[in-house]
Amino acid sequence: LSQICQRRDVMNTAEAQAFVGLPEHVADFRQPSSSEPVQTAEVQDPKFGVVDFAYDPTHGVLVLAASDLSWSSRIDTKIINLRLPWEQAAPAVPSSQMSIWRQAAGELRFDLLAVSR
């Protein structure tokens, strides 16, 4: 327990603070923690799930890497994208995408700039 209490990353979680009893014994821990994540924006794409992102707050640019998270759908897409000998061309159904968003000035809204599938 002593080693766990010395780890800053562990003690900065609300669960560890509650387990040790900090909110009951230390007045500063009774307020909501500034380290608690707060949702400020949400991106929804019905076809893909967000795998990774990068946000540049100085320029208000958000880059999202999204992929099909359903294994059965990915297999279906791979089969559909196969070019069979009697076909002229195979369809190009995307299984992932990269998108760039720019934050609207003074708002928590992002506008789509570009998509690459």
PDB file of N, CA and C in Angstrom:
ATOM      1  N   LEU A   1       0.835  -1.192   0.000  1.00  0.00           N
ATOM      2  CA  LEU A   1       0.000   0.000   0.000  1.00  0.00           C
ATOM      3  C   LEU A   1       0.881   1.257   0.000  1.00  0.00           C
ATOM      4  N   SER A   2       2.002   1.170   0.691  1.00  0.00           N
ATOM      5  CA  SER A   2       2.916   2.301   0.737  1.00  0.00           C
ATOM      6  C   SER A   2       3.460   2.635  -0.647  1.00  0.00           C
ATOM      7  N   GLN A   3       3.826   1.619  -1.419  1.00  0.00           N
ATOM      8  CA  GLN A   3       4.340   1.845  -2.765  1.00  0.00           C
ATOM      9  C   GLN A   3       3.266   2.417  -3.686  1.00  0.00           C
ATOM     10  N   ILE A   4       2.049   1.962  -3.538  1.00  0.00           N
ATOM     11  CA  ILE A   4       0.939   2.482  -4.355  1.00  0.00           C
ATOM     12  C   ILE A   4       0.682   3.941  -4.031  1.00  0.00           C
ATOM     13  N   CYS A   5       0.721   4.305  -2.754  1.00  0.00           N
ATOM     14  CA  CYS A   5       0.481   5.689  -2.345  1.00  0.00           C
ATOM     15  C   CYS A   5       1.585   6.640  -2.812  1.00  0.00           C
ATOM     16  N   GLN A   6       2.759   6.127  -3.114  1.00  0.00           N
ATOM     17  CA  GLN A   6       3.849   6.964  -3.593  1.00  0.00           C
ATOM     18  C   GLN A   6       3.748   7.239  -5.094  1.00  0.00           C
ATOM     19  N   ARG A   7       2.919   6.479  -5.802  1.00  0.00           N
ATOM     20  CA  ARG A   7       2.773   6.689  -7.248  1.00  0.00           C
ATOM     21  C   ARG A   7       1.769   7.797  -7.508  1.00  0.00           C
ATOM     22  N   ARG A   8       2.236   8.864  -8.115  1.00  0.00           N
ATOM     23  CA  ARG A   8       1.390  10.026  -8.380  1.00  0.00           C
ATOM     24  C   ARG A   8       0.254   9.691  -9.354  1.00  0.00           C
ATOM     25  N   ASP A   9       0.534   8.878 -10.377  1.00  0.00           N
ATOM     26  CA  ASP A   9      -0.494   8.539 -11.353  1.00  0.00           C
ATOM     27  C   ASP A   9      -1.643   7.766 -10.714  1.00  0.00           C
ATOM     28  N   VAL A  10      -1.321   6.928  -9.735  1.00  0.00           N
ATOM     29  CA  VAL A  10      -2.369   6.166  -9.051  1.00  0.00           C
ATOM     30  C   VAL A  10      -3.163   7.081  -8.132  1.00  0.00           C
ATOM     31  N   MET A  11      -2.470   7.912  -7.363  1.00  0.00           N
ATOM     32  CA  MET A  11      -3.158   8.763  -6.392  1.00  0.00           C
ATOM     33  C   MET A  11      -3.958   9.891  -7.036  1.00  0.00           C
ATOM     34  N   ASN A  12      -3.746  10.154  -8.311  1.00  0.00           N
ATOM     35  CA  ASN A  12      -4.532  11.173  -9.003  1.00  0.00           C
ATOM     36  C   ASN A  12      -5.859  10.644  -9.527  1.00  0.00           C
ATOM     37  N   THR A  13      -6.158   9.385  -9.304  1.00  0.00           N
ATOM     38  CA  THR A  13      -7.447   8.839  -9.730  1.00  0.00           C
ATOM     39  C   THR A  13      -8.459   8.963  -8.597  1.00  0.00           C
ATOM     40  N   ALA A  14      -9.690   9.218  -8.957  1.00  0.00           N
ATOM     41  CA  ALA A  14     -10.749   9.373  -7.957  1.00  0.00           C
ATOM     42  C   ALA A  14     -10.968   8.079  -7.182  1.00  0.00           C
ATOM     43  N   GLU A  15     -10.793   6.940  -7.852  1.00  0.00           N
ATOM     44  CA  GLU A  15     -10.998   5.651  -7.189  1.00  0.00           C
ATOM     45  C   GLU A  15      -9.983   5.430  -6.066  1.00  0.00           C
ATOM     46  N   ALA A  16      -8.709   5.730  -6.334  1.00  0.00           N
ATOM     47  CA  ALA A  16      -7.676   5.566  -5.306  1.00  0.00           C
ATOM     48  C   ALA A  16      -7.884   6.551  -4.161  1.00  0.00           C
ATOM     49  N   GLN A  17      -8.278   7.774  -4.473  1.00  0.00           N
ATOM     50  CA  GLN A  17      -8.524   8.775  -3.438  1.00  0.00           C
ATOM     51  C   GLN A  17      -9.669   8.346  -2.528  1.00  0.00           C
ATOM     52  N   ALA A  18     -10.721   7.790  -3.128  1.00  0.00           N
ATOM     53  CA  ALA A  18     -11.852   7.327  -2.326  1.00  0.00           C
ATOM     54  C   ALA A  18     -11.462   6.106  -1.493  1.00  0.00           C
ATOM     55  N   PHE A  19     -10.648   5.213  -2.058  1.00  0.00           N
ATOM     56  CA  PHE A  19     -10.219   4.012  -1.339  1.00  0.00           C
ATOM     57  C   PHE A  19      -9.398   4.372  -0.103  1.00  0.00           C
ATOM     58  N   VAL A  20      -8.508   5.328  -0.247  1.00  0.00           N
ATOM     59  CA  VAL A  20      -7.659   5.752   0.862  1.00  0.00           C
ATOM     60  C   VAL A  20      -8.440   6.630   1.849  1.00  0.00           C
ATOM     61  N   GLY A  21      -9.531   7.220   1.396  1.00  0.00           N
ATOM     62  CA  GLY A  21     -10.348   8.050   2.277  1.00  0.00           C
ATOM     63  C   GLY A  21      -9.984   9.510   2.271  1.00  0.00           C
ATOM     64  N   LEU A  22      -9.342   9.980   1.217  1.00  0.00           N
ATOM     65  CA  LEU A  22      -8.938  11.383   1.169  1.00  0.00           C
ATOM     66  C   LEU A  22     -10.119  12.353   1.193  1.00  0.00           C
ATOM     67  N   PRO A  23     -11.224  12.115   0.481  1.00  0.00           N
ATOM     68  CA  PRO A  23     -12.320  13.086   0.530  1.00  0.00           C
ATOM     69  C   PRO A  23     -12.911  13.273   1.931  1.00  0.00           C
ATOM     70  N   GLU A  24     -12.862  12.237   2.753  1.00  0.00           N
ATOM     71  CA  GLU A  24     -13.412  12.340   4.109  1.00  0.00           C
ATOM     72  C   GLU A  24     -12.462  13.046   5.075  1.00  0.00           C
ATOM     73  N   HIS A  25     -11.151  13.008   4.807  1.00  0.00           N
ATOM     74  CA  HIS A  25     -10.168  13.515   5.768  1.00  0.00           C
ATOM     75  C   HIS A  25      -9.430  14.778   5.324  1.00  0.00           C
ATOM     76  N   VAL A  26      -9.451  15.097   4.034  1.00  0.00           N
ATOM     77  CA  VAL A  26      -8.732  16.277   3.539  1.00  0.00           C
ATOM     78  C   VAL A  26      -9.737  17.157   2.790  1.00  0.00           C
ATOM     79  N   ALA A  27      -9.890  18.401   3.238  1.00  0.00           N
ATOM     80  CA  ALA A  27     -10.898  19.303   2.675  1.00  0.00           C
ATOM     81  C   ALA A  27     -10.693  19.564   1.180  1.00  0.00           C
ATOM     82  N   ASP A  28      -9.445  19.632   0.729  1.00  0.00           N
ATOM     83  CA  ASP A  28      -9.173  19.910  -0.691  1.00  0.00           C
ATOM     84  C   ASP A  28      -9.698  18.821  -1.610  1.00  0.00           C
ATOM     85  N   PHE A  29      -9.874  17.612  -1.121  1.00  0.00           N
ATOM     86  CA  PHE A  29     -10.326  16.502  -1.949  1.00  0.00           C
ATOM     87  C   PHE A  29     -11.845  16.356  -1.957  1.00  0.00           C
ATOM     88  N   ARG A  30     -12.557  17.242  -1.255  1.00  0.00           N
ATOM     89  CA  ARG A  30     -14.015  17.165  -1.249  1.00  0.00           C
ATOM     90  C   ARG A  30     -14.614  17.777  -2.511  1.00  0.00           C
ATOM     91  N   GLN A  31     -13.873  18.664  -3.135  1.00  0.00           N
ATOM     92  CA  GLN A  31     -14.332  19.296  -4.376  1.00  0.00           C
ATOM     93  C   GLN A  31     -14.052  18.347  -5.541  1.00  0.00           C
ATOM     94  N   PRO A  32     -14.812  18.491  -6.649  1.00  0.00           N
ATOM     95  CA  PRO A  32     -14.500  17.670  -7.819  1.00  0.00           C
ATOM     96  C   PRO A  32     -13.071  17.932  -8.290  1.00  0.00           C
ATOM     97  N   SER A  33     -12.389  16.879  -8.656  1.00  0.00           N
ATOM     98  CA  SER A  33     -10.987  16.979  -9.051  1.00  0.00           C
ATOM     99  C   SER A  33     -10.851  17.585 -10.441  1.00  0.00           C
ATOM    100  N   SER A  34      -9.838  18.426 -10.616  1.00  0.00           N
ATOM    101  CA  SER A  34      -9.584  19.007 -11.932  1.00  0.00           C
ATOM    102  C   SER A  34      -8.987  17.963 -12.879  1.00  0.00           C
ATOM    103  N   SER A  35      -8.529  16.830 -12.339  1.00  0.00           N
ATOM    104  CA  SER A  35      -7.977  15.787 -13.196  1.00  0.00           C
ATOM    105  C   SER A  35      -9.068  14.885 -13.772  1.00  0.00           C
ATOM    106  N   GLU A  36     -10.292  15.053 -13.312  1.00  0.00           N
ATOM    107  CA  GLU A  36     -11.395  14.264 -13.852  1.00  0.00           C
ATOM    108  C   GLU A  36     -11.681  14.707 -15.278  1.00  0.00           C
ATOM    109  N   PRO A  37     -11.818  13.766 -16.209  1.00  0.00           N
ATOM    110  CA  PRO A  37     -12.109  14.158 -17.597  1.00  0.00           C
ATOM    111  C   PRO A  37     -13.496  14.767 -17.716  1.00  0.00           C
ATOM    112  N   VAL A  38     -13.597  15.782 -18.554  1.00  0.00           N
ATOM    113  CA  VAL A  38     -14.863  16.456 -18.807  1.00  0.00           C
ATOM    114  C   VAL A  38     -15.095  16.425 -20.310  1.00  0.00           C
ATOM    115  N   GLN A  39     -16.264  15.951 -20.712  1.00  0.00           N
ATOM    116  CA  GLN A  39     -16.567  15.898 -22.136  1.00  0.00           C
ATOM    117  C   GLN A  39     -16.844  17.306 -22.642  1.00  0.00           C
ATOM    118  N   THR A  40     -16.096  17.719 -23.654  1.00  0.00           N
ATOM    119  CA  THR A  40     -16.278  19.048 -24.227  1.00  0.00           C
ATOM    120  C   THR A  40     -16.787  18.984 -25.653  1.00  0.00           C
ATOM    121  N   ALA A  41     -16.600  17.867 -26.313  1.00  0.00           N
ATOM    122  CA  ALA A  41     -17.070  17.716 -27.691  1.00  0.00           C
ATOM    123  C   ALA A  41     -17.280  16.233 -27.959  1.00  0.00           C
ATOM    124  N   GLU A  42     -18.032  15.949 -29.000  1.00  0.00           N
ATOM    125  CA  GLU A  42     -18.317  14.564 -29.347  1.00  0.00           C
ATOM    126  C   GLU A  42     -18.344  14.430 -30.865  1.00  0.00           C
ATOM    127  N   VAL A  43     -17.711  13.380 -31.354  1.00  0.00           N
ATOM    128  CA  VAL A  43     -17.703  13.099 -32.783  1.00  0.00           C
ATOM    129  C   VAL A  43     -18.401  11.765 -32.983  1.00  0.00           C
ATOM    130  N   GLN A  44     -19.362  11.737 -33.888  1.00  0.00           N
ATOM    131  CA  GLN A  44     -20.071  10.499 -34.165  1.00  0.00           C
ATOM    132  C   GLN A  44     -19.974  10.183 -35.644  1.00  0.00           C
ATOM    133  N   ASP A  45     -19.648   8.944 -35.927  1.00  0.00           N
ATOM    134  CA  ASP A  45     -19.618   8.443 -37.296  1.00  0.00           C
ATOM    135  C   ASP A  45     -20.283   7.079 -37.269  1.00  0.00           C
ATOM    136  N   PRO A  46     -21.439   6.924 -37.925  1.00  0.00           N
ATOM    137  CA  PRO A  46     -22.155   5.657 -37.829  1.00  0.00           C
ATOM    138  C   PRO A  46     -21.436   4.473 -38.480  1.00  0.00           C
ATOM    139  N   LYS A  47     -20.470   4.735 -39.386  1.00  0.00           N
ATOM    140  CA  LYS A  47     -19.799   3.645 -40.080  1.00  0.00           C
ATOM    141  C   LYS A  47     -18.520   3.190 -39.393  1.00  0.00           C
ATOM    142  N   PHE A  48     -17.844   4.088 -38.699  1.00  0.00           N
ATOM    143  CA  PHE A  48     -16.534   3.781 -38.141  1.00  0.00           C
ATOM    144  C   PHE A  48     -16.457   4.179 -36.675  1.00  0.00           C
ATOM    145  N   GLY A  49     -15.548   3.519 -35.967  1.00  0.00           N
ATOM    146  CA  GLY A  49     -15.265   3.873 -34.584  1.00  0.00           C
ATOM    147  C   GLY A  49     -13.919   4.571 -34.510  1.00  0.00           C
ATOM    148  N   VAL A  50     -13.804   5.549 -33.650  1.00  0.00           N
ATOM    149  CA  VAL A  50     -12.557   6.307 -33.518  1.00  0.00           C
ATOM    150  C   VAL A  50     -11.510   5.413 -32.859  1.00  0.00           C
ATOM    151  N   VAL A  51     -10.360   5.267 -33.522  1.00  0.00           N
ATOM    152  CA  VAL A  51      -9.266   4.443 -33.034  1.00  0.00           C
ATOM    153  C   VAL A  51      -8.209   5.308 -32.360  1.00  0.00           C
ATOM    154  N   ASP A  52      -7.924   6.471 -32.944  1.00  0.00           N
ATOM    155  CA  ASP A  52      -6.916   7.366 -32.383  1.00  0.00           C
ATOM    156  C   ASP A  52      -7.238   8.790 -32.819  1.00  0.00           C
ATOM    157  N   PHE A  53      -6.696   9.749 -32.101  1.00  0.00           N
ATOM    158  CA  PHE A  53      -6.912  11.148 -32.449  1.00  0.00           C
ATOM    159  C   PHE A  53      -5.722  11.976 -32.016  1.00  0.00           C
ATOM    160  N   ALA A  54      -5.602  13.145 -32.609  1.00  0.00           N
ATOM    161  CA  ALA A  54      -4.602  14.135 -32.202  1.00  0.00           C
ATOM    162  C   ALA A  54      -5.276  15.499 -32.284  1.00  0.00           C
ATOM    163  N   TYR A  55      -5.097  16.309 -31.262  1.00  0.00           N
ATOM    164  CA  TYR A  55      -5.736  17.624 -31.214  1.00  0.00           C
ATOM    165  C   TYR A  55      -4.665  18.685 -30.981  1.00  0.00           C
ATOM    166  N   ASP A  56      -4.677  19.710 -31.807  1.00  0.00           N
ATOM    167  CA  ASP A  56      -3.771  20.847 -31.652  1.00  0.00           C
ATOM    168  C   ASP A  56      -4.603  22.035 -31.178  1.00  0.00           C
ATOM    169  N   PRO A  57      -4.572  22.348 -29.879  1.00  0.00           N
ATOM    170  CA  PRO A  57      -5.422  23.416 -29.356  1.00  0.00           C
ATOM    171  C   PRO A  57      -5.035  24.812 -29.849  1.00  0.00           C
ATOM    172  N   THR A  58      -3.779  25.022 -30.218  1.00  0.00           N
ATOM    173  CA  THR A  58      -3.382  26.355 -30.679  1.00  0.00           C
ATOM    174  C   THR A  58      -3.989  26.687 -32.039  1.00  0.00           C
ATOM    175  N   HIS A  59      -4.156  25.681 -32.894  1.00  0.00           N
ATOM    176  CA  HIS A  59      -4.754  25.899 -34.213  1.00  0.00           C
ATOM    177  C   HIS A  59      -6.188  25.393 -34.298  1.00  0.00           C
ATOM    178  N   GLY A  60      -6.660  24.685 -33.271  1.00  0.00           N
ATOM    179  CA  GLY A  60      -8.020  24.167 -33.257  1.00  0.00           C
ATOM    180  C   GLY A  60      -8.250  23.077 -34.288  1.00  0.00           C
ATOM    181  N   VAL A  61      -7.225  22.253 -34.535  1.00  0.00           N
ATOM    182  CA  VAL A  61      -7.319  21.193 -35.540  1.00  0.00           C
ATOM    183  C   VAL A  61      -7.359  19.834 -34.842  1.00  0.00           C
ATOM    184  N   LEU A  62      -8.296  19.008 -35.288  1.00  0.00           N
ATOM    185  CA  LEU A  62      -8.471  17.667 -34.748  1.00  0.00           C
ATOM    186  C   LEU A  62      -8.307  16.666 -35.888  1.00  0.00           C
ATOM    187  N   VAL A  63      -7.409  15.692 -35.719  1.00  0.00           N
ATOM    188  CA  VAL A  63      -7.202  14.637 -36.703  1.00  0.00           C
ATOM    189  C   VAL A  63      -7.707  13.337 -36.084  1.00  0.00           C
ATOM    190  N   LEU A  64      -8.616  12.658 -36.792  1.00  0.00           N
ATOM    191  CA  LEU A  64      -9.193  11.409 -36.299  1.00  0.00           C
ATOM    192  C   LEU A  64      -8.810  10.254 -37.206  1.00  0.00           C
ATOM    193  N   ALA A  65      -8.406   9.145 -36.602  1.00  0.00           N
ATOM    194  CA  ALA A  65      -8.203   7.896 -37.319  1.00  0.00           C
ATOM    195  C   ALA A  65      -9.350   6.992 -36.903  1.00  0.00           C
ATOM    196  N   ALA A  66     -10.145   6.561 -37.867  1.00  0.00           N
ATOM    197  CA  ALA A  66     -11.321   5.748 -37.575  1.00  0.00           C
ATOM    198  C   ALA A  66     -11.276   4.474 -38.407  1.00  0.00           C
ATOM    199  N   SER A  67     -11.831   3.410 -37.839  1.00  0.00           N
ATOM    200  CA  SER A  67     -11.821   2.123 -38.514  1.00  0.00           C
ATOM    201  C   SER A  67     -13.119   1.389 -38.219  1.00  0.00           C
ATOM    202  N   ASP A  68     -13.423   0.424 -39.070  1.00  0.00           N
ATOM    203  CA  ASP A  68     -14.574  -0.434 -38.840  1.00  0.00           C
ATOM    204  C   ASP A  68     -14.223  -1.346 -37.670  1.00  0.00           C
ATOM    205  N   LEU A  69     -14.939  -1.254 -36.579  1.00  0.00           N
ATOM    206  CA  LEU A  69     -14.596  -2.002 -35.377  1.00  0.00           C
ATOM    207  C   LEU A  69     -15.256  -3.373 -35.296  1.00  0.00           C
ATOM    208  N   SER A  70     -16.159  -3.663 -36.214  1.00  0.00           N
ATOM    209  CA  SER A  70     -16.834  -4.954 -36.218  1.00  0.00           C
ATOM    210  C   SER A  70     -16.031  -5.940 -37.066  1.00  0.00           C
ATOM    211  N   TRP A  71     -15.583  -7.034 -36.476  1.00  0.00           N
ATOM    212  CA  TRP A  71     -14.764  -7.993 -37.220  1.00  0.00           C
ATOM    213  C   TRP A  71     -15.546  -8.618 -38.361  1.00  0.00           C
ATOM    214  N   SER A  72     -16.844  -8.868 -38.163  1.00  0.00           N
ATOM    215  CA  SER A  72     -17.638  -9.475 -39.237  1.00  0.00           C
ATOM    216  C   SER A  72     -17.817  -8.503 -40.408  1.00  0.00           C
ATOM    217  N   SER A  73     -17.992  -7.240 -40.099  1.00  0.00           N
ATOM    218  CA  SER A  73     -18.116  -6.232 -41.148  1.00  0.00           C
ATOM    219  C   SER A  73     -16.797  -6.050 -41.894  1.00  0.00           C
ATOM    220  N   ARG A  74     -15.661  -6.112 -41.180  1.00  0.00           N
ATOM    221  CA  ARG A  74     -14.355  -6.005 -41.836  1.00  0.00           C
ATOM    222  C   ARG A  74     -14.118  -7.167 -42.788  1.00  0.00           C
ATOM    223  N   ILE A  75     -14.489  -8.380 -42.372  1.00  0.00           N
ATOM    224  CA  ILE A  75     -14.345  -9.543 -43.250  1.00  0.00           C
ATOM    225  C   ILE A  75     -15.227  -9.377 -44.478  1.00  0.00           C
ATOM    226  N   ASP A  76     -16.451  -8.918 -44.274  1.00  0.00           N
ATOM    227  CA  ASP A  76     -17.366  -8.684 -45.390  1.00  0.00           C
ATOM    228  C   ASP A  76     -16.785  -7.657 -46.362  1.00  0.00           C
ATOM    229  N   THR A  77     -16.200  -6.594 -45.830  1.00  0.00           N
ATOM    230  CA  THR A  77     -15.595  -5.562 -46.679  1.00  0.00           C
ATOM    231  C   THR A  77     -14.417  -6.130 -47.463  1.00  0.00           C
ATOM    232  N   LYS A  78     -13.587  -6.943 -46.826  1.00  0.00           N
ATOM    233  CA  LYS A  78     -12.440  -7.555 -47.518  1.00  0.00           C
ATOM    234  C   LYS A  78     -12.919  -8.444 -48.674  1.00  0.00           C
ATOM    235  N   ILE A  79     -13.972  -9.215 -48.433  1.00  0.00           N
ATOM    236  CA  ILE A  79     -14.498 -10.091 -49.483  1.00  0.00           C
ATOM    237  C   ILE A  79     -15.095  -9.273 -50.616  1.00  0.00           C
ATOM    238  N   ILE A  80     -15.841  -8.238 -50.279  1.00  0.00           N
ATOM    239  CA  ILE A  80     -16.445  -7.378 -51.307  1.00  0.00           C
ATOM    240  C   ILE A  80     -15.371  -6.707 -52.152  1.00  0.00           C
ATOM    241  N   ASN A  81     -14.261  -6.313 -51.542  1.00  0.00           N
ATOM    242  CA  ASN A  81     -13.197  -5.607 -52.250  1.00  0.00           C
ATOM    243  C   ASN A  81     -12.314  -6.517 -53.108  1.00  0.00           C
ATOM    244  N   LEU A  82     -12.509  -7.830 -53.017  1.00  0.00           N
ATOM    245  CA  LEU A  82     -11.733  -8.743 -53.854  1.00  0.00           C
ATOM    246  C   LEU A  82     -12.145  -8.589 -55.318  1.00  0.00           C
ATOM    247  N   ARG A  83     -11.168  -8.546 -56.192  1.00  0.00           N
ATOM    248  CA  ARG A  83     -11.460  -8.497 -57.626  1.00  0.00           C
ATOM    249  C   ARG A  83     -11.429  -9.926 -58.146  1.00  0.00           C
ATOM    250  N   LEU A  84     -12.578 -10.372 -58.635  1.00  0.00           N
ATOM    251  CA  LEU A  84     -12.684 -11.713 -59.187  1.00  0.00           C
ATOM    252  C   LEU A  84     -12.286 -11.676 -60.664  1.00  0.00           C
ATOM    253  N   PRO A  85     -11.795 -12.802 -61.215  1.00  0.00           N
ATOM    254  CA  PRO A  85     -11.277 -12.806 -62.592  1.00  0.00           C
ATOM    255  C   PRO A  85     -12.273 -12.319 -63.652  1.00  0.00           C
ATOM    256  N   TRP A  86     -13.549 -12.534 -63.444  1.00  0.00           N
ATOM    257  CA  TRP A  86     -14.535 -12.144 -64.452  1.00  0.00           C
ATOM    258  C   TRP A  86     -15.046 -10.712 -64.276  1.00  0.00           C
ATOM    259  N   GLU A  87     -14.584 -10.013 -63.252  1.00  0.00           N
ATOM    260  CA  GLU A  87     -15.002  -8.636 -63.022  1.00  0.00           C
ATOM    261  C   GLU A  87     -14.018  -7.663 -63.668  1.00  0.00           C
ATOM    262  N   GLN A  88     -14.545  -6.571 -64.181  1.00  0.00           N
ATOM    263  CA  GLN A  88     -13.691  -5.534 -64.764  1.00  0.00           C
ATOM    264  C   GLN A  88     -12.898  -4.807 -63.679  1.00  0.00           C
ATOM    265  N   ALA A  89     -13.583  -4.471 -62.591  1.00  0.00           N
ATOM    266  CA  ALA A  89     -12.939  -3.765 -61.480  1.00  0.00           C
ATOM    267  C   ALA A  89     -13.634  -4.149 -60.177  1.00  0.00           C
ATOM    268  N   ALA A  90     -12.883  -4.180 -59.123  1.00  0.00           N
ATOM    269  CA  ALA A  90     -13.445  -4.487 -57.812  1.00  0.00           C
ATOM    270  C   ALA A  90     -13.980  -3.205 -57.187  1.00  0.00           C
ATOM    271  N   PRO A  91     -15.071  -3.302 -56.439  1.00  0.00           N
ATOM    272  CA  PRO A  91     -15.547  -2.113 -55.732  1.00  0.00           C
ATOM    273  C   PRO A  91     -14.542  -1.705 -54.655  1.00  0.00           C
ATOM    274  N   ALA A  92     -14.564  -0.463 -54.299  1.00  0.00           N
ATOM    275  CA  ALA A  92     -13.640   0.048 -53.277  1.00  0.00           C
ATOM    276  C   ALA A  92     -14.436   0.498 -52.062  1.00  0.00           C
ATOM    277  N   VAL A  93     -14.821  -0.461 -51.237  1.00  0.00           N
ATOM    278  CA  VAL A  93     -15.556  -0.153 -50.010  1.00  0.00           C
ATOM    279  C   VAL A  93     -14.522   0.101 -48.913  1.00  0.00           C
ATOM    280  N   PRO A  94     -14.542   1.272 -48.274  1.00  0.00           N
ATOM    281  CA  PRO A  94     -13.512   1.580 -47.269  1.00  0.00           C
ATOM    282  C   PRO A  94     -13.728   0.816 -45.966  1.00  0.00           C
ATOM    283  N   SER A  95     -12.629   0.485 -45.304  1.00  0.00           N
ATOM    284  CA  SER A  95     -12.711  -0.159 -43.987  1.00  0.00           C
ATOM    285  C   SER A  95     -12.122   0.750 -42.902  1.00  0.00           C
ATOM    286  N   SER A  96     -11.591   1.908 -43.323  1.00  0.00           N
ATOM    287  CA  SER A  96     -11.072   2.879 -42.361  1.00  0.00           C
ATOM    288  C   SER A  96     -11.029   4.253 -43.019  1.00  0.00           C
ATOM    289  N   GLN A  97     -10.813   5.264 -42.215  1.00  0.00           N
ATOM    290  CA  GLN A  97     -10.711   6.620 -42.750  1.00  0.00           C
ATOM    291  C   GLN A  97      -9.920   7.512 -41.806  1.00  0.00           C
ATOM    292  N   MET A  98      -9.367   8.558 -42.373  1.00  0.00           N
ATOM    293  CA  MET A  98      -8.665   9.590 -41.619  1.00  0.00           C
ATOM    294  C   MET A  98      -9.382  10.895 -41.942  1.00  0.00           C
ATOM    295  N   SER A  99      -9.729  11.663 -40.934  1.00  0.00           N
ATOM    296  CA  SER A  99     -10.436  12.921 -41.167  1.00  0.00           C
ATOM    297  C   SER A  99      -9.786  14.056 -40.385  1.00  0.00           C
ATOM    298  N   ILE A 100      -9.893  15.252 -40.957  1.00  0.00           N
ATOM    299  CA  ILE A 100      -9.347  16.461 -40.333  1.00  0.00           C
ATOM    300  C   ILE A 100     -10.506  17.409 -40.066  1.00  0.00           C
ATOM    301  N   TRP A 101     -10.568  17.897 -38.840  1.00  0.00           N
ATOM    302  CA  TRP A 101     -11.637  18.779 -38.399  1.00  0.00           C
ATOM    303  C   TRP A 101     -11.022  20.071 -37.887  1.00  0.00           C
ATOM    304  N   ARG A 102     -11.726  21.179 -38.062  1.00  0.00           N
ATOM    305  CA  ARG A 102     -11.287  22.458 -37.508  1.00  0.00           C
ATOM    306  C   ARG A 102     -12.364  22.957 -36.552  1.00  0.00           C
ATOM    307  N   GLN A 103     -11.918  23.423 -35.392  1.00  0.00           N
ATOM    308  CA  GLN A 103     -12.848  23.927 -34.388  1.00  0.00           C
ATOM    309  C   GLN A 103     -13.415  25.269 -34.829  1.00  0.00           C
ATOM    310  N   ALA A 104     -14.736  25.407 -34.733  1.00  0.00           N
ATOM    311  CA  ALA A 104     -15.385  26.680 -35.052  1.00  0.00           C
ATOM    312  C   ALA A 104     -14.963  27.699 -34.002  1.00  0.00           C
ATOM    313  N   ALA A 105     -14.677  28.903 -34.433  1.00  0.00           N
ATOM    314  CA  ALA A 105     -14.170  29.950 -33.536  1.00  0.00           C
ATOM    315  C   ALA A 105     -15.123  30.203 -32.380  1.00  0.00           C
ATOM    316  N   GLY A 106     -14.613  30.053 -31.176  1.00  0.00           N
ATOM    317  CA  GLY A 106     -15.385  30.357 -29.970  1.00  0.00           C
ATOM    318  C   GLY A 106     -16.466  29.351 -29.636  1.00  0.00           C
ATOM    319  N   GLU A 107     -16.494  28.202 -30.293  1.00  0.00           N
ATOM    320  CA  GLU A 107     -17.533  27.197 -30.038  1.00  0.00           C
ATOM    321  C   GLU A 107     -16.887  25.838 -29.793  1.00  0.00           C
ATOM    322  N   LEU A 108     -17.664  24.936 -29.245  1.00  0.00           N
ATOM    323  CA  LEU A 108     -17.209  23.560 -29.066  1.00  0.00           C
ATOM    324  C   LEU A 108     -17.735  22.694 -30.205  1.00  0.00           C
ATOM    325  N   ARG A 109     -17.717  23.234 -31.396  1.00  0.00           N
ATOM    326  CA  ARG A 109     -18.195  22.536 -32.596  1.00  0.00           C
ATOM    327  C   ARG A 109     -17.042  22.427 -33.570  1.00  0.00           C
ATOM    328  N   PHE A 110     -16.957  21.294 -34.254  1.00  0.00           N
ATOM    329  CA  PHE A 110     -15.897  21.077 -35.234  1.00  0.00           C
ATOM    330  C   PHE A 110     -16.506  20.931 -36.628  1.00  0.00           C
ATOM    331  N   ASP A 111     -15.862  21.551 -37.611  1.00  0.00           N
ATOM    332  CA  ASP A 111     -16.284  21.456 -38.999  1.00  0.00           C
ATOM    333  C   ASP A 111     -15.319  20.546 -39.736  1.00  0.00           C
ATOM    334  N   LEU A 112     -15.865  19.667 -40.568  1.00  0.00           N
ATOM    335  CA  LEU A 112     -15.058  18.729 -41.330  1.00  0.00           C
ATOM    336  C   LEU A 112     -14.317  19.453 -42.447  1.00  0.00           C
ATOM    337  N   LEU A 113     -12.991  19.257 -42.513  1.00  0.00           N
ATOM    338  CA  LEU A 113     -12.177  19.862 -43.565  1.00  0.00           C
ATOM    339  C   LEU A 113     -11.880  18.881 -44.693  1.00  0.00           C
ATOM    340  N   ALA A 114     -11.468  17.642 -44.328  1.00  0.00           N
ATOM    341  CA  ALA A 114     -11.106  16.656 -45.346  1.00  0.00           C
ATOM    342  C   ALA A 114     -11.246  15.253 -44.785  1.00  0.00           C
ATOM    343  N   VAL A 115     -11.520  14.301 -45.697  1.00  0.00           N
ATOM    344  CA  VAL A 115     -11.631  12.878 -45.336  1.00  0.00           C
ATOM    345  C   VAL A 115     -10.857  12.069 -46.356  1.00  0.00           C
ATOM    346  N   SER A 116     -10.096  11.104 -45.860  1.00  0.00           N
ATOM    347  CA  SER A 116      -9.382  10.187 -46.739  1.00  0.00           C
ATOM    348  C   SER A 116      -9.777   8.775 -46.339  1.00  0.00           C
ATOM    349  N   ARG A 117     -10.315   8.044 -47.329  1.00  0.00           N
ATOM    350  CA  ARG A 117     -10.750   6.655 -47.039  1.00  0.00           C
ATOM    351  C   ARG A 117      -9.903   5.680 -47.783  1.00  0.00           C
TER     352      ARG A 117
END
